[in-house]
Amino acid sequence: MSDDPKLALYQTVFCPFCERVRGALRRLNVEIPMRDIDSRLEWRRELMDATGRQTVPCLRIESEDGAVEWLHESTDIIDYLEERFAGGSA
C-alpha cells in the first residue's frame, strides 16, 4: 500500500526493551530498518535532534506526506505494530 508510513526502529543491541520490540516484529513477521544508535553516530544524532533524548527503543513513523512522528516506549511501539500488522490482536 503506497499510503503506508515508512518505519524505522532506533534501538541498541543490548537493550531489553528493544529486544521486546524486535520480538514483536519477528512474531508479526515484519521487517523494518533497524538503526542501532551505538553503531552509527548519525542515527544517535538524528534521534536526539528530533526528540531531545537518546532513549530507545523509538519508532520513527514517516507518513506519505513527509510528516514524521516519533514513538517511544516499547509497549506503545508494540501496540502500534500489533494494530497495524495484526489488526489489533494482542
C-alpha atoms as a PDB file:
ATOM      1  CA  MET A   1       0.000   0.000   0.000  1.00  0.00           C
ATOM      2  CA  SER A   2       1.505   3.287  -1.036  1.00  0.00           C
ATOM      3  CA  ASP A   3      -0.119   5.219   1.832  1.00  0.00           C
ATOM      4  CA  ASP A   4       1.577   3.082   4.492  1.00  0.00           C
ATOM      5  CA  PRO A   5       4.023   5.007   6.648  1.00  0.00           C
ATOM      6  CA  LYS A   6       7.728   4.256   6.424  1.00  0.00           C
ATOM      7  CA  LEU A   7       9.051   2.841   9.681  1.00  0.00           C
ATOM      8  CA  ALA A   8      12.478   2.612  11.302  1.00  0.00           C
ATOM      9  CA  LEU A   9      13.356   1.383  14.789  1.00  0.00           C
ATOM     10  CA  TYR A  10      16.040   3.278  16.680  1.00  0.00           C
ATOM     11  CA  GLN A  11      17.484   0.782  19.131  1.00  0.00           C
ATOM     12  CA  THR A  12      20.555  -0.803  20.683  1.00  0.00           C
ATOM     13  CA  VAL A  13      21.582  -4.441  20.669  1.00  0.00           C
ATOM     14  CA  PHE A  14      21.714  -4.905  24.446  1.00  0.00           C
ATOM     15  CA  CYS A  15      18.545  -3.025  25.451  1.00  0.00           C
ATOM     16  CA  PRO A  16      15.912  -5.447  26.851  1.00  0.00           C
ATOM     17  CA  PHE A  17      13.070  -3.104  25.859  1.00  0.00           C
ATOM     18  CA  CYS A  18      14.438  -3.000  22.304  1.00  0.00           C
ATOM     19  CA  GLU A  19      14.510  -6.804  22.307  1.00  0.00           C
ATOM     20  CA  ARG A  20      10.829  -6.841  23.263  1.00  0.00           C
ATOM     21  CA  VAL A  21      10.046  -4.734  20.195  1.00  0.00           C
ATOM     22  CA  ARG A  22      12.286  -6.866  17.949  1.00  0.00           C
ATOM     23  CA  GLY A  23      10.481  -9.947  19.283  1.00  0.00           C
ATOM     24  CA  ALA A  24       7.120  -8.428  18.374  1.00  0.00           C
ATOM     25  CA  LEU A  25       8.418  -7.661  14.885  1.00  0.00           C
ATOM     26  CA  ARG A  26       9.557 -11.287  14.486  1.00  0.00           C
ATOM     27  CA  ARG A  27       6.216 -12.589  15.792  1.00  0.00           C
ATOM     28  CA  LEU A  28       4.338 -10.337  13.382  1.00  0.00           C
ATOM     29  CA  ASN A  29       6.745 -11.291  10.572  1.00  0.00           C
ATOM     30  CA  VAL A  30       7.508  -7.630   9.885  1.00  0.00           C
ATOM     31  CA  GLU A  31      10.857  -6.338   8.693  1.00  0.00           C
ATOM     32  CA  ILE A  32      11.752  -2.687   9.145  1.00  0.00           C
ATOM     33  CA  PRO A  33      15.101  -0.905   9.157  1.00  0.00           C
ATOM     34  CA  MET A  34      16.957  -1.178  12.468  1.00  0.00           C
ATOM     35  CA  ARG A  35      19.014   1.848  13.432  1.00  0.00           C
ATOM     36  CA  ASP A  36      21.473   0.891  16.157  1.00  0.00           C
ATOM     37  CA  ILE A  37      22.392   4.192  17.797  1.00  0.00           C
ATOM     38  CA  ASP A  38      25.512   2.617  19.335  1.00  0.00           C
ATOM     39  CA  SER A  39      26.945   1.712  15.939  1.00  0.00           C
ATOM     40  CA  ARG A  40      26.135   4.856  13.916  1.00  0.00           C
ATOM     41  CA  LEU A  41      26.619   8.296  15.419  1.00  0.00           C
ATOM     42  CA  GLU A  42      24.390   9.934  12.790  1.00  0.00           C
ATOM     43  CA  TRP A  43      21.422   7.823  13.946  1.00  0.00           C
ATOM     44  CA  ARG A  44      22.043   8.842  17.566  1.00  0.00           C
ATOM     45  CA  ARG A  45      22.212  12.497  16.488  1.00  0.00           C
ATOM     46  CA  GLU A  46      19.072  12.178  14.382  1.00  0.00           C
ATOM     47  CA  LEU A  47      17.171  10.715  17.339  1.00  0.00           C
ATOM     48  CA  MET A  48      18.496  13.381  19.710  1.00  0.00           C
ATOM     49  CA  ASP A  49      17.753  16.245  17.291  1.00  0.00           C
ATOM     50  CA  ALA A  50      14.215  15.014  16.650  1.00  0.00           C
ATOM     51  CA  THR A  51      13.154  14.024  20.156  1.00  0.00           C
ATOM     52  CA  GLY A  52      15.537  15.769  22.529  1.00  0.00           C
ATOM     53  CA  ARG A  53      16.566  12.444  24.047  1.00  0.00           C
ATOM     54  CA  GLN A  54      18.528   9.305  23.252  1.00  0.00           C
ATOM     55  CA  THR A  55      16.046   6.896  24.794  1.00  0.00           C
ATOM     56  CA  VAL A  56      15.463   3.666  22.891  1.00  0.00           C
ATOM     57  CA  PRO A  57      13.506   1.955  21.565  1.00  0.00           C
ATOM     58  CA  CYS A  58      11.991   4.669  19.450  1.00  0.00           C
ATOM     59  CA  LEU A  59       9.925   4.059  16.334  1.00  0.00           C
ATOM     60  CA  ARG A  60      10.189   6.647  13.561  1.00  0.00           C
ATOM     61  CA  ILE A  61       6.966   6.813  11.567  1.00  0.00           C
ATOM     62  CA  GLU A  62       7.082   8.833   8.346  1.00  0.00           C
ATOM     63  CA  SER A  63       3.804   9.327   6.530  1.00  0.00           C
ATOM     64  CA  GLU A  64       3.460   9.666   2.779  1.00  0.00           C
ATOM     65  CA  ASP A  65       3.238  13.466   3.080  1.00  0.00           C
ATOM     66  CA  GLY A  66       6.622  13.530   4.849  1.00  0.00           C
ATOM     67  CA  ALA A  67       5.308  14.184   8.356  1.00  0.00           C
ATOM     68  CA  VAL A  68       7.346  12.332  10.974  1.00  0.00           C
ATOM     69  CA  GLU A  69       6.159  11.012  14.320  1.00  0.00           C
ATOM     70  CA  TRP A  70       8.475   9.531  16.938  1.00  0.00           C
ATOM     71  CA  LEU A  71       7.023   6.876  19.234  1.00  0.00           C
ATOM     72  CA  HIS A  72       8.888   5.998  22.440  1.00  0.00           C
ATOM     73  CA  GLU A  73       8.129   3.260  24.975  1.00  0.00           C
ATOM     74  CA  SER A  74       8.289  -0.394  23.992  1.00  0.00           C
ATOM     75  CA  THR A  75       4.681  -1.134  24.972  1.00  0.00           C
ATOM     76  CA  ASP A  76       3.368   1.770  22.879  1.00  0.00           C
ATOM     77  CA  ILE A  77       5.507   0.672  19.928  1.00  0.00           C
ATOM     78  CA  ILE A  78       4.299  -2.927  20.220  1.00  0.00           C
ATOM     79  CA  ASP A  79       0.672  -1.753  20.473  1.00  0.00           C
ATOM     80  CA  TYR A  80       1.158   0.328  17.304  1.00  0.00           C
ATOM     81  CA  LEU A  81       2.761  -2.593  15.445  1.00  0.00           C
ATOM     82  CA  GLU A  82       0.037  -5.031  16.500  1.00  0.00           C
ATOM     83  CA  GLU A  83      -2.685  -2.601  15.488  1.00  0.00           C
ATOM     84  CA  ARG A  84      -1.077  -2.003  12.124  1.00  0.00           C
ATOM     85  CA  PHE A  85       0.102  -5.520  11.232  1.00  0.00           C
ATOM     86  CA  ALA A  86      -2.144  -7.877  13.210  1.00  0.00           C
ATOM     87  CA  GLY A  87      -5.418  -5.969  13.120  1.00  0.00           C
ATOM     88  CA  GLY A  88      -5.202  -5.099  16.810  1.00  0.00           C
ATOM     89  CA  SER A  89      -4.983  -8.664  18.123  1.00  0.00           C
ATOM     90  CA  ALA A  90      -2.730  -8.873  21.129  1.00  0.00           C
END
